[in-house]
C-alpha atoms as a PDB file:
ATOM      1  CA  THR A   1       7.771  14.914 -66.636  1.00  0.00           C
ATOM      2  CA  VAL A   2       4.999  17.953 -68.706  1.00  0.00           C
ATOM      3  CA  SER A   3       2.151  18.790 -66.358  1.00  0.00           C
ATOM      4  CA  ILE A   4      -0.807  21.195 -67.802  1.00  0.00           C
ATOM      5  CA  ASN A   5      -3.790  22.550 -64.893  1.00  0.00           C
ATOM      6  CA  LYS A   6      -7.132  23.908 -65.718  1.00  0.00           C
ATOM      7  CA  ASP A   7      -5.878  27.104 -66.820  1.00  0.00           C
ATOM      8  CA  GLY A   8      -3.749  25.151 -69.397  1.00  0.00           C
ATOM      9  CA  ASP A   9      -0.005  26.359 -67.361  1.00  0.00           C
ATOM     10  CA  VAL A  10       2.606  24.269 -68.578  1.00  0.00           C
ATOM     11  CA  TYR A  11       5.146  22.632 -65.946  1.00  0.00           C
ATOM     12  CA  TRP A  12       8.585  21.053 -65.935  1.00  0.00           C
ATOM     13  CA  ASN A  13      10.268  18.317 -64.728  1.00  0.00           C
ATOM     14  CA  GLY A  14       8.243  18.734 -60.685  1.00  0.00           C
ATOM     15  CA  MET A  15       8.698  22.274 -61.322  1.00  0.00           C
ATOM     16  CA  MET A  16       6.206  24.734 -58.981  1.00  0.00           C
ATOM     17  CA  LYS A  17       6.172  27.837 -61.649  1.00  0.00           C
ATOM     18  CA  PRO A  18       5.095  27.526 -64.627  1.00  0.00           C
ATOM     19  CA  LEU A  19       6.878  27.720 -67.838  1.00  0.00           C
ATOM     20  CA  PRO A  20       7.098  31.261 -68.814  1.00  0.00           C
ATOM     21  CA  GLY A  21       6.325  31.056 -72.164  1.00  0.00           C
ATOM     22  CA  GLY A  22       3.999  28.690 -72.370  1.00  0.00           C
ATOM     23  CA  THR A  23       4.357  25.771 -75.116  1.00  0.00           C
ATOM     24  CA  GLU A  24       6.590  27.353 -77.003  1.00  0.00           C
ATOM     25  CA  ASP A  25       9.371  27.378 -73.750  1.00  0.00           C
ATOM     26  CA  LEU A  26       7.729  23.492 -73.729  1.00  0.00           C
ATOM     27  CA  PHE A  27       9.624  23.154 -77.781  1.00  0.00           C
ATOM     28  CA  ASP A  28      12.544  24.412 -76.846  1.00  0.00           C
ATOM     29  CA  ARG A  29      13.045  21.866 -73.543  1.00  0.00           C
ATOM     30  CA  LEU A  30      11.808  19.559 -75.559  1.00  0.00           C
ATOM     31  CA  LYS A  31      14.175  19.966 -78.062  1.00  0.00           C
ATOM     32  CA  VAL A  32      17.155  19.155 -76.094  1.00  0.00           C
ATOM     33  CA  GLU A  33      15.576  16.099 -74.786  1.00  0.00           C
ATOM     34  CA  ALA A  34      14.814  14.478 -78.261  1.00  0.00           C
ATOM     35  CA  VAL A  35      18.797  13.878 -78.896  1.00  0.00           C
ATOM     36  CA  LYS A  36      19.508  12.786 -75.897  1.00  0.00           C
ATOM     37  CA  VAL A  37      20.808   8.837 -77.054  1.00  0.00           C
ATOM     38  CA  PRO A  38      18.287   6.348 -75.873  1.00  0.00           C
ATOM     39  CA  GLN A  39      15.166   9.278 -76.266  1.00  0.00           C
ATOM     40  CA  PRO A  40      13.276  10.143 -73.099  1.00  0.00           C
ATOM     41  CA  GLU A  41       9.745   9.215 -72.726  1.00  0.00           C
ATOM     42  CA  VAL A  42       7.706  12.644 -72.113  1.00  0.00           C
ATOM     43  CA  HIS A  43       4.795  11.353 -69.477  1.00  0.00           C
ATOM     44  CA  ILE A  44       1.647  14.355 -69.230  1.00  0.00           C
ATOM     45  CA  ARG A  45      -0.420  15.223 -65.939  1.00  0.00           C
ATOM     46  CA  GLY A  46      -2.694  16.891 -66.939  1.00  0.00           C
ATOM     47  CA  ASP A  47      -4.652  18.780 -63.920  1.00  0.00           C
ATOM     48  CA  GLN A  48      -7.989  16.763 -63.130  1.00  0.00           C
ATOM     49  CA  ASN A  49      -9.914  19.697 -65.047  1.00  0.00           C
ATOM     50  CA  VAL A  50      -7.625  20.343 -68.179  1.00  0.00           C
ATOM     51  CA  ARG A  51      -9.407  21.299 -71.465  1.00  0.00           C
ATOM     52  CA  TYR A  52      -8.725  18.694 -74.287  1.00  0.00           C
ATOM     53  CA  GLU A  53      -7.494  21.896 -75.921  1.00  0.00           C
ATOM     54  CA  PHE A  54      -4.368  22.172 -73.285  1.00  0.00           C
ATOM     55  CA  VAL A  55      -3.577  18.639 -73.661  1.00  0.00           C
ATOM     56  CA  GLY A  56      -3.984  18.450 -77.283  1.00  0.00           C
ATOM     57  CA  LYS A  57      -1.178  21.559 -78.258  1.00  0.00           C
ATOM     58  CA  THR A  58       0.663  19.744 -74.986  1.00  0.00           C
ATOM     59  CA  ILE A  59       1.628  16.341 -77.703  1.00  0.00           C
ATOM     60  CA  LEU A  60       1.221  18.749 -81.335  1.00  0.00           C
ATOM     61  CA  THR A  61       4.291  20.536 -79.170  1.00  0.00           C
ATOM     62  CA  ALA A  62       6.455  17.581 -78.827  1.00  0.00           C
ATOM     63  CA  GLN A  63       5.734  15.713 -81.786  1.00  0.00           C
ATOM     64  CA  ARG A  64       6.854  19.013 -83.448  1.00  0.00           C
ATOM     65  CA  ALA A  65      10.691  18.641 -81.501  1.00  0.00           C
ATOM     66  CA  GLY A  66      10.705  14.804 -82.330  1.00  0.00           C
ATOM     67  CA  ILE A  67       9.011  12.695 -79.228  1.00  0.00           C
ATOM     68  CA  ALA A  68       8.606   9.612 -79.766  1.00  0.00           C
ATOM     69  CA  LYS A  69       6.743   8.424 -77.385  1.00  0.00           C
ATOM     70  CA  VAL A  70       4.540  10.326 -75.250  1.00  0.00           C
ATOM     71  CA  GLY A  71       2.346   8.671 -72.577  1.00  0.00           C
ATOM     72  CA  PHE A  72       0.392   9.872 -69.631  1.00  0.00           C
ATOM     73  CA  VAL A  73      -0.001   9.691 -65.760  1.00  0.00           C
ATOM     74  CA  ILE A  74      -2.987   9.242 -64.116  1.00  0.00           C
END
């Protein structure tokens, strides 16, 4: 699960602190997940007030890392 707050900070799997490198750190973590068999689905949880730009960057990062399935969590 990748969470994004209204300021665009990215959180990995319920971590209490955001990833220090933002989408670049996320990319590195997703590359590791992308080679697993079966490949896990990435769930994006966005803050109610998150800008679409931040969600779009997160989806693009997942695609660049080779993640095939991305879902949204409400």
